[in-house]
């Protein structure tokens, strides 16, 4: 084995061992880490909406990740949350939230609750948040995390996100945090006139974050960012 490869391999081992190490932090240290996250990872990279920055600064991300990863909660990276799923990196959460141009009294639907973190950020900005998680285990964990952190007003259920939540539609905004191969027709129908939807779409070789606006009943589409999300699945684990 070449020396360069040995060095890389040793660095990878150190990163892996460090990544799995639990480091205890107190409330003040978490607060400082969160402030630094907002300043260096989010504001410095162009997120300017004051409400989004304040929401990212208030939501305690470490409560939404497994204990063994909490010391990395405010790093700009996705983290495993179990069941083969991840919590998105903070910048992506802030970016997707800002681009929806949310108002306090608007109704927001999230597809792919995951850890519950994105729903908590939305709840800091809007009074009416609905979220759907296909995995029942993750849905229960997210419900517990949201309750424990004071976001018990978020409406959460376990179900097929592709189908949306028709009885509470139309929604002013829809945010999708898992990638289907096309924009689900039920979500298009449940978007209110003037509403916005942000969704990653998987073309097979790449994913693109798409912003949709409903204008006079038609969706105007704009590609905004290459991304990598987990796939959208049905209850049987089949990709959409």
C-alpha atoms as a PDB file:
ATOM      1  CA  UNK A   1       0.000   0.000   0.000  1.00  0.00           C
ATOM      2  CA  UNK A   2       1.346   3.406  -0.943  1.00  0.00           C
ATOM      3  CA  UNK A   3       2.215   5.838   1.827  1.00  0.00           C
ATOM      4  CA  UNK A   4      -0.392   8.370   0.666  1.00  0.00           C
ATOM      5  CA  UNK A   5      -3.128   5.756   0.818  1.00  0.00           C
ATOM      6  CA  UNK A   6      -2.034   4.725   4.310  1.00  0.00           C
ATOM      7  CA  UNK A   7      -2.267   8.327   5.501  1.00  0.00           C
ATOM      8  CA  UNK A   8      -5.737   8.726   3.983  1.00  0.00           C
ATOM      9  CA  UNK A   9      -6.857   5.434   5.514  1.00  0.00           C
ATOM     10  CA  UNK A  10      -5.545   6.472   8.947  1.00  0.00           C
ATOM     11  CA  UNK A  11      -7.326   9.823   8.700  1.00  0.00           C
ATOM     12  CA  UNK A  12     -10.559   8.052   7.775  1.00  0.00           C
ATOM     13  CA  UNK A  13     -10.224   5.788  10.811  1.00  0.00           C
ATOM     14  CA  UNK A  14      -9.685   8.785  13.059  1.00  0.00           C
ATOM     15  CA  UNK A  15     -12.706  10.535  11.606  1.00  0.00           C
ATOM     16  CA  UNK A  16     -14.877   7.458  12.045  1.00  0.00           C
ATOM     17  CA  UNK A  17     -13.770   6.878  15.632  1.00  0.00           C
ATOM     18  CA  UNK A  18     -14.214  10.562  16.464  1.00  0.00           C
ATOM     19  CA  UNK A  19     -17.620  10.682  14.786  1.00  0.00           C
ATOM     20  CA  UNK A  20     -18.911   7.890  16.998  1.00  0.00           C
ATOM     21  CA  UNK A  21     -17.509   9.315  20.214  1.00  0.00           C
ATOM     22  CA  UNK A  22     -20.086  10.831  22.554  1.00  0.00           C
ATOM     23  CA  UNK A  23     -18.992  14.217  23.892  1.00  0.00           C
ATOM     24  CA  UNK A  24     -21.027  15.718  26.713  1.00  0.00           C
ATOM     25  CA  UNK A  25     -21.957  19.385  26.206  1.00  0.00           C
ATOM     26  CA  UNK A  26     -23.912  21.638  28.517  1.00  0.00           C
ATOM     27  CA  UNK A  27     -26.755  23.981  27.548  1.00  0.00           C
ATOM     28  CA  UNK A  28     -24.462  26.993  27.220  1.00  0.00           C
ATOM     29  CA  UNK A  29     -22.084  25.128  24.917  1.00  0.00           C
ATOM     30  CA  UNK A  30     -24.979  24.003  22.723  1.00  0.00           C
ATOM     31  CA  UNK A  31     -26.226  27.594  22.574  1.00  0.00           C
ATOM     32  CA  UNK A  32     -22.813  28.878  21.502  1.00  0.00           C
ATOM     33  CA  UNK A  33     -22.533  26.121  18.876  1.00  0.00           C
ATOM     34  CA  UNK A  34     -25.977  27.067  17.548  1.00  0.00           C
ATOM     35  CA  UNK A  35     -25.070  30.750  17.310  1.00  0.00           C
ATOM     36  CA  UNK A  36     -21.891  29.865  15.432  1.00  0.00           C
ATOM     37  CA  UNK A  37     -23.882  27.621  13.080  1.00  0.00           C
ATOM     38  CA  UNK A  38     -26.245  30.469  12.205  1.00  0.00           C
ATOM     39  CA  UNK A  39     -23.464  33.007  11.694  1.00  0.00           C
ATOM     40  CA  UNK A  40     -20.877  30.916   9.820  1.00  0.00           C
ATOM     41  CA  UNK A  41     -22.863  28.248   8.011  1.00  0.00           C
ATOM     42  CA  UNK A  42     -26.156  29.970   7.235  1.00  0.00           C
ATOM     43  CA  UNK A  43     -25.964  33.774   7.302  1.00  0.00           C
ATOM     44  CA  UNK A  44     -22.454  33.832   5.822  1.00  0.00           C
ATOM     45  CA  UNK A  45     -23.666  31.675   2.905  1.00  0.00           C
ATOM     46  CA  UNK A  46     -26.420  34.056   1.883  1.00  0.00           C
ATOM     47  CA  UNK A  47     -29.495  33.249   3.957  1.00  0.00           C
ATOM     48  CA  UNK A  48     -30.841  36.700   4.794  1.00  0.00           C
ATOM     49  CA  UNK A  49     -34.454  36.267   5.974  1.00  0.00           C
ATOM     50  CA  UNK A  50     -34.406  37.410   9.607  1.00  0.00           C
ATOM     51  CA  UNK A  51     -37.251  35.060  10.557  1.00  0.00           C
ATOM     52  CA  UNK A  52     -35.398  32.056   9.165  1.00  0.00           C
ATOM     53  CA  UNK A  53     -32.161  33.013  10.915  1.00  0.00           C
ATOM     54  CA  UNK A  54     -34.011  33.501  14.201  1.00  0.00           C
ATOM     55  CA  UNK A  55     -35.811  30.173  13.805  1.00  0.00           C
ATOM     56  CA  UNK A  56     -32.546  28.345  13.130  1.00  0.00           C
ATOM     57  CA  UNK A  57     -31.106  30.016  16.210  1.00  0.00           C
ATOM     58  CA  UNK A  58     -33.988  28.980  18.442  1.00  0.00           C
ATOM     59  CA  UNK A  59     -34.562  25.339  17.466  1.00  0.00           C
ATOM     60  CA  UNK A  60     -32.310  23.042  19.477  1.00  0.00           C
ATOM     61  CA  UNK A  61     -31.107  20.679  16.761  1.00  0.00           C
ATOM     62  CA  UNK A  62     -29.276  18.438  19.235  1.00  0.00           C
ATOM     63  CA  UNK A  63     -32.639  17.233  20.582  1.00  0.00           C
ATOM     64  CA  UNK A  64     -33.521  15.884  17.130  1.00  0.00           C
ATOM     65  CA  UNK A  65     -30.467  13.666  16.578  1.00  0.00           C
ATOM     66  CA  UNK A  66     -29.448  10.411  18.304  1.00  0.00           C
ATOM     67  CA  UNK A  67     -27.415  10.910  21.456  1.00  0.00           C
ATOM     68  CA  UNK A  68     -24.171   9.561  19.951  1.00  0.00           C
ATOM     69  CA  UNK A  69     -24.204  12.338  17.312  1.00  0.00           C
ATOM     70  CA  UNK A  70     -25.225  15.281  19.483  1.00  0.00           C
ATOM     71  CA  UNK A  71     -21.757  16.795  19.652  1.00  0.00           C
ATOM     72  CA  UNK A  72     -22.002  17.156  15.831  1.00  0.00           C
ATOM     73  CA  UNK A  73     -25.540  18.550  15.871  1.00  0.00           C
ATOM     74  CA  UNK A  74     -24.475  22.038  14.776  1.00  0.00           C
ATOM     75  CA  UNK A  75     -21.975  20.958  12.135  1.00  0.00           C
ATOM     76  CA  UNK A  76     -22.992  21.651   8.536  1.00  0.00           C
ATOM     77  CA  UNK A  77     -23.640  18.035   7.651  1.00  0.00           C
ATOM     78  CA  UNK A  78     -26.485  15.551   7.509  1.00  0.00           C
ATOM     79  CA  UNK A  79     -26.538  13.034  10.374  1.00  0.00           C
ATOM     80  CA  UNK A  80     -28.015   9.528  10.686  1.00  0.00           C
ATOM     81  CA  UNK A  81     -31.289   9.300  12.608  1.00  0.00           C
ATOM     82  CA  UNK A  82     -31.921   5.569  12.185  1.00  0.00           C
ATOM     83  CA  UNK A  83     -34.110   3.543   9.817  1.00  0.00           C
ATOM     84  CA  UNK A  84     -31.700   4.400   6.998  1.00  0.00           C
ATOM     85  CA  UNK A  85     -32.682   8.076   7.131  1.00  0.00           C
ATOM     86  CA  UNK A  86     -30.846  11.323   7.887  1.00  0.00           C
ATOM     87  CA  UNK A  87     -31.469  14.793   9.246  1.00  0.00           C
ATOM     88  CA  UNK A  88     -30.588  17.375   6.571  1.00  0.00           C
ATOM     89  CA  UNK A  89     -27.646  19.711   7.007  1.00  0.00           C
ATOM     90  CA  UNK A  90     -28.631  23.042   8.587  1.00  0.00           C
ATOM     91  CA  UNK A  91     -27.871  25.129   5.493  1.00  0.00           C
ATOM     92  CA  UNK A  92     -30.225  23.052   3.337  1.00  0.00           C
ATOM     93  CA  UNK A  93     -32.979  23.353   5.963  1.00  0.00           C
ATOM     94  CA  UNK A  94     -32.533  27.133   6.043  1.00  0.00           C
ATOM     95  CA  UNK A  95     -32.347  27.409   2.250  1.00  0.00           C
ATOM     96  CA  UNK A  96     -35.545  25.425   1.669  1.00  0.00           C
ATOM     97  CA  UNK A  97     -37.353  27.370   4.377  1.00  0.00           C
ATOM     98  CA  UNK A  98     -36.294  30.781   3.096  1.00  0.00           C
ATOM     99  CA  UNK A  99     -37.187  30.096  -0.527  1.00  0.00           C
ATOM    100  CA  UNK A 100     -40.827  29.435   0.439  1.00  0.00           C
ATOM    101  CA  UNK A 101     -41.229  33.061   1.640  1.00  0.00           C
ATOM    102  CA  UNK A 102     -43.486  31.955   4.472  1.00  0.00           C
ATOM    103  CA  UNK A 103     -45.970  34.131   6.349  1.00  0.00           C
ATOM    104  CA  UNK A 104     -47.098  33.562   9.924  1.00  0.00           C
ATOM    105  CA  UNK A 105     -50.726  32.750   9.137  1.00  0.00           C
ATOM    106  CA  UNK A 106     -50.019  30.417   6.213  1.00  0.00           C
ATOM    107  CA  UNK A 107     -50.655  26.670   6.176  1.00  0.00           C
ATOM    108  CA  UNK A 108     -47.561  24.553   5.526  1.00  0.00           C
ATOM    109  CA  UNK A 109     -47.325  20.847   4.701  1.00  0.00           C
ATOM    110  CA  UNK A 110     -44.064  18.937   5.106  1.00  0.00           C
ATOM    111  CA  UNK A 111     -43.545  15.567   3.431  1.00  0.00           C
ATOM    112  CA  UNK A 112     -40.889  13.486   5.218  1.00  0.00           C
ATOM    113  CA  UNK A 113     -40.888  14.419   8.911  1.00  0.00           C
ATOM    114  CA  UNK A 114     -37.748  12.424   9.633  1.00  0.00           C
ATOM    115  CA  UNK A 115     -36.366  13.692  12.938  1.00  0.00           C
ATOM    116  CA  UNK A 116     -38.919  16.501  13.262  1.00  0.00           C
ATOM    117  CA  UNK A 117     -36.267  19.227  12.994  1.00  0.00           C
ATOM    118  CA  UNK A 118     -37.537  20.859   9.805  1.00  0.00           C
ATOM    119  CA  UNK A 119     -41.087  20.861  11.217  1.00  0.00           C
ATOM    120  CA  UNK A 120     -39.829  22.658  14.327  1.00  0.00           C
ATOM    121  CA  UNK A 121     -38.132  25.320  12.192  1.00  0.00           C
ATOM    122  CA  UNK A 122     -41.362  25.787  10.227  1.00  0.00           C
ATOM    123  CA  UNK A 123     -43.349  26.053  13.471  1.00  0.00           C
ATOM    124  CA  UNK A 124     -41.146  28.941  14.592  1.00  0.00           C
ATOM    125  CA  UNK A 125     -42.343  30.889  11.538  1.00  0.00           C
ATOM    126  CA  UNK A 126     -45.877  29.639  10.847  1.00  0.00           C
ATOM    127  CA  UNK A 127     -48.785  28.842  13.158  1.00  0.00           C
ATOM    128  CA  UNK A 128     -50.162  26.012  11.003  1.00  0.00           C
ATOM    129  CA  UNK A 129     -47.760  23.136  10.246  1.00  0.00           C
ATOM    130  CA  UNK A 130     -48.709  19.654   9.102  1.00  0.00           C
ATOM    131  CA  UNK A 131     -46.109  16.932   8.546  1.00  0.00           C
ATOM    132  CA  UNK A 132     -46.218  13.332   7.294  1.00  0.00           C
ATOM    133  CA  UNK A 133     -43.708  10.531   7.883  1.00  0.00           C
ATOM    134  CA  UNK A 134     -44.060   7.148   6.171  1.00  0.00           C
ATOM    135  CA  UNK A 135     -41.917   5.320   8.739  1.00  0.00           C
ATOM    136  CA  UNK A 136     -43.936   4.744  11.917  1.00  0.00           C
ATOM    137  CA  UNK A 137     -40.848   4.390  14.118  1.00  0.00           C
ATOM    138  CA  UNK A 138     -39.446   7.734  12.961  1.00  0.00           C
ATOM    139  CA  UNK A 139     -42.879   9.341  13.232  1.00  0.00           C
ATOM    140  CA  UNK A 140     -43.125   8.336  16.893  1.00  0.00           C
ATOM    141  CA  UNK A 141     -39.593   9.551  17.647  1.00  0.00           C
ATOM    142  CA  UNK A 142     -40.286  12.849  15.910  1.00  0.00           C
ATOM    143  CA  UNK A 143     -43.561  13.295  17.791  1.00  0.00           C
ATOM    144  CA  UNK A 144     -41.748  12.755  21.077  1.00  0.00           C
ATOM    145  CA  UNK A 145     -38.932  15.161  20.147  1.00  0.00           C
ATOM    146  CA  UNK A 146     -41.404  17.847  19.055  1.00  0.00           C
ATOM    147  CA  UNK A 147     -43.422  17.491  22.252  1.00  0.00           C
ATOM    148  CA  UNK A 148     -40.338  17.600  24.452  1.00  0.00           C
ATOM    149  CA  UNK A 149     -39.029  20.757  22.760  1.00  0.00           C
ATOM    150  CA  UNK A 150     -42.334  22.630  22.917  1.00  0.00           C
ATOM    151  CA  UNK A 151     -43.652  22.111  19.378  1.00  0.00           C
ATOM    152  CA  UNK A 152     -46.651  19.982  20.310  1.00  0.00           C
ATOM    153  CA  UNK A 153     -48.889  22.131  18.079  1.00  0.00           C
ATOM    154  CA  UNK A 154     -47.327  20.594  14.949  1.00  0.00           C
ATOM    155  CA  UNK A 155     -49.829  18.211  13.336  1.00  0.00           C
ATOM    156  CA  UNK A 156     -47.981  14.949  12.637  1.00  0.00           C
ATOM    157  CA  UNK A 157     -49.133  11.634  11.268  1.00  0.00           C
ATOM    158  CA  UNK A 158     -47.591   8.487   9.825  1.00  0.00           C
ATOM    159  CA  UNK A 159     -48.693   7.930   6.250  1.00  0.00           C
ATOM    160  CA  UNK A 160     -47.816   7.976   2.563  1.00  0.00           C
ATOM    161  CA  UNK A 161     -46.454  11.429   1.813  1.00  0.00           C
ATOM    162  CA  UNK A 162     -47.006  11.024  -1.914  1.00  0.00           C
ATOM    163  CA  UNK A 163     -50.737  11.330  -1.225  1.00  0.00           C
ATOM    164  CA  UNK A 164     -50.398  14.467   0.882  1.00  0.00           C
ATOM    165  CA  UNK A 165     -53.015  15.399   3.492  1.00  0.00           C
ATOM    166  CA  UNK A 166     -56.127  16.226   1.490  1.00  0.00           C
ATOM    167  CA  UNK A 167     -58.519  16.942   4.353  1.00  0.00           C
ATOM    168  CA  UNK A 168     -56.405  19.923   5.455  1.00  0.00           C
ATOM    169  CA  UNK A 169     -55.675  21.265   1.980  1.00  0.00           C
ATOM    170  CA  UNK A 170     -55.174  23.597   0.288  1.00  0.00           C
ATOM    171  CA  UNK A 171     -51.735  24.516   1.621  1.00  0.00           C
ATOM    172  CA  UNK A 172     -49.954  27.803   1.025  1.00  0.00           C
ATOM    173  CA  UNK A 173     -46.614  26.035   1.029  1.00  0.00           C
ATOM    174  CA  UNK A 174     -45.394  22.456   0.698  1.00  0.00           C
ATOM    175  CA  UNK A 175     -41.872  21.346   1.541  1.00  0.00           C
ATOM    176  CA  UNK A 176     -40.718  17.867   0.521  1.00  0.00           C
ATOM    177  CA  UNK A 177     -37.605  16.392   2.137  1.00  0.00           C
ATOM    178  CA  UNK A 178     -37.412  13.138   0.186  1.00  0.00           C
ATOM    179  CA  UNK A 179     -36.960  12.676  -3.546  1.00  0.00           C
ATOM    180  CA  UNK A 180     -39.562  11.142  -5.878  1.00  0.00           C
ATOM    181  CA  UNK A 181     -38.959  10.681  -9.612  1.00  0.00           C
ATOM    182  CA  UNK A 182     -41.709  13.191 -10.373  1.00  0.00           C
ATOM    183  CA  UNK A 183     -43.782  15.811  -8.586  1.00  0.00           C
ATOM    184  CA  UNK A 184     -46.697  13.908  -6.975  1.00  0.00           C
ATOM    185  CA  UNK A 185     -50.018  14.858  -8.533  1.00  0.00           C
ATOM    186  CA  UNK A 186     -51.838  14.911  -5.177  1.00  0.00           C
ATOM    187  CA  UNK A 187     -49.372  17.501  -3.863  1.00  0.00           C
ATOM    188  CA  UNK A 188     -49.885  19.631  -6.971  1.00  0.00           C
ATOM    189  CA  UNK A 189     -53.640  19.522  -6.409  1.00  0.00           C
ATOM    190  CA  UNK A 190     -53.332  20.348  -2.700  1.00  0.00           C
ATOM    191  CA  UNK A 191     -51.244  23.462  -3.325  1.00  0.00           C
ATOM    192  CA  UNK A 192     -53.285  26.646  -2.995  1.00  0.00           C
ATOM    193  CA  UNK A 193     -53.462  29.309  -5.684  1.00  0.00           C
ATOM    194  CA  UNK A 194     -50.354  31.457  -5.231  1.00  0.00           C
ATOM    195  CA  UNK A 195     -48.767  28.653  -3.199  1.00  0.00           C
ATOM    196  CA  UNK A 196     -45.162  27.488  -3.360  1.00  0.00           C
ATOM    197  CA  UNK A 197     -43.674  24.005  -3.261  1.00  0.00           C
ATOM    198  CA  UNK A 198     -40.002  23.109  -2.820  1.00  0.00           C
ATOM    199  CA  UNK A 199     -39.178  19.510  -3.727  1.00  0.00           C
ATOM    200  CA  UNK A 200     -36.108  17.449  -4.721  1.00  0.00           C
ATOM    201  CA  UNK A 201     -36.782  15.476  -7.906  1.00  0.00           C
ATOM    202  CA  UNK A 202     -34.681  12.432  -8.782  1.00  0.00           C
ATOM    203  CA  UNK A 203     -33.982  12.112 -12.502  1.00  0.00           C
ATOM    204  CA  UNK A 204     -32.109   8.832 -11.990  1.00  0.00           C
ATOM    205  CA  UNK A 205     -28.608  10.215 -12.490  1.00  0.00           C
ATOM    206  CA  UNK A 206     -28.966  13.335 -10.325  1.00  0.00           C
ATOM    207  CA  UNK A 207     -31.378  15.188  -8.057  1.00  0.00           C
ATOM    208  CA  UNK A 208     -32.461  18.775  -8.487  1.00  0.00           C
ATOM    209  CA  UNK A 209     -34.270  20.953  -5.993  1.00  0.00           C
ATOM    210  CA  UNK A 210     -37.321  22.382  -7.763  1.00  0.00           C
ATOM    211  CA  UNK A 211     -39.378  25.421  -6.779  1.00  0.00           C
ATOM    212  CA  UNK A 212     -42.977  25.395  -8.003  1.00  0.00           C
ATOM    213  CA  UNK A 213     -45.464  28.271  -7.864  1.00  0.00           C
ATOM    214  CA  UNK A 214     -49.156  27.887  -8.660  1.00  0.00           C
ATOM    215  CA  UNK A 215     -50.252  30.800 -10.824  1.00  0.00           C
ATOM    216  CA  UNK A 216     -53.774  30.800 -12.279  1.00  0.00           C
ATOM    217  CA  UNK A 217     -54.034  27.095 -11.629  1.00  0.00           C
ATOM    218  CA  UNK A 218     -50.781  26.195 -13.390  1.00  0.00           C
ATOM    219  CA  UNK A 219     -47.411  25.325 -11.883  1.00  0.00           C
ATOM    220  CA  UNK A 220     -44.440  27.474 -12.834  1.00  0.00           C
ATOM    221  CA  UNK A 221     -41.249  25.474 -12.318  1.00  0.00           C
ATOM    222  CA  UNK A 222     -37.718  26.642 -11.524  1.00  0.00           C
ATOM    223  CA  UNK A 223     -34.643  24.519 -10.821  1.00  0.00           C
ATOM    224  CA  UNK A 224     -32.701  26.018  -7.935  1.00  0.00           C
ATOM    225  CA  UNK A 225     -30.055  23.661  -6.540  1.00  0.00           C
ATOM    226  CA  UNK A 226     -28.466  20.225  -7.083  1.00  0.00           C
ATOM    227  CA  UNK A 227     -29.032  18.126  -3.946  1.00  0.00           C
ATOM    228  CA  UNK A 228     -28.950  14.599  -2.537  1.00  0.00           C
ATOM    229  CA  UNK A 229     -31.943  13.428  -0.493  1.00  0.00           C
ATOM    230  CA  UNK A 230     -33.182  10.012   0.536  1.00  0.00           C
ATOM    231  CA  UNK A 231     -35.798   8.621  -1.894  1.00  0.00           C
ATOM    232  CA  UNK A 232     -39.529   9.010  -1.401  1.00  0.00           C
ATOM    233  CA  UNK A 233     -40.949   5.621  -0.385  1.00  0.00           C
ATOM    234  CA  UNK A 234     -44.394   4.143   0.042  1.00  0.00           C
ATOM    235  CA  UNK A 235     -45.456   2.044   3.042  1.00  0.00           C
ATOM    236  CA  UNK A 236     -43.882  -1.058   1.474  1.00  0.00           C
ATOM    237  CA  UNK A 237     -40.524   0.646   1.000  1.00  0.00           C
ATOM    238  CA  UNK A 238     -40.937   0.985  -2.779  1.00  0.00           C
ATOM    239  CA  UNK A 239     -39.514   4.119  -4.408  1.00  0.00           C
ATOM    240  CA  UNK A 240     -41.809   6.578  -6.117  1.00  0.00           C
END
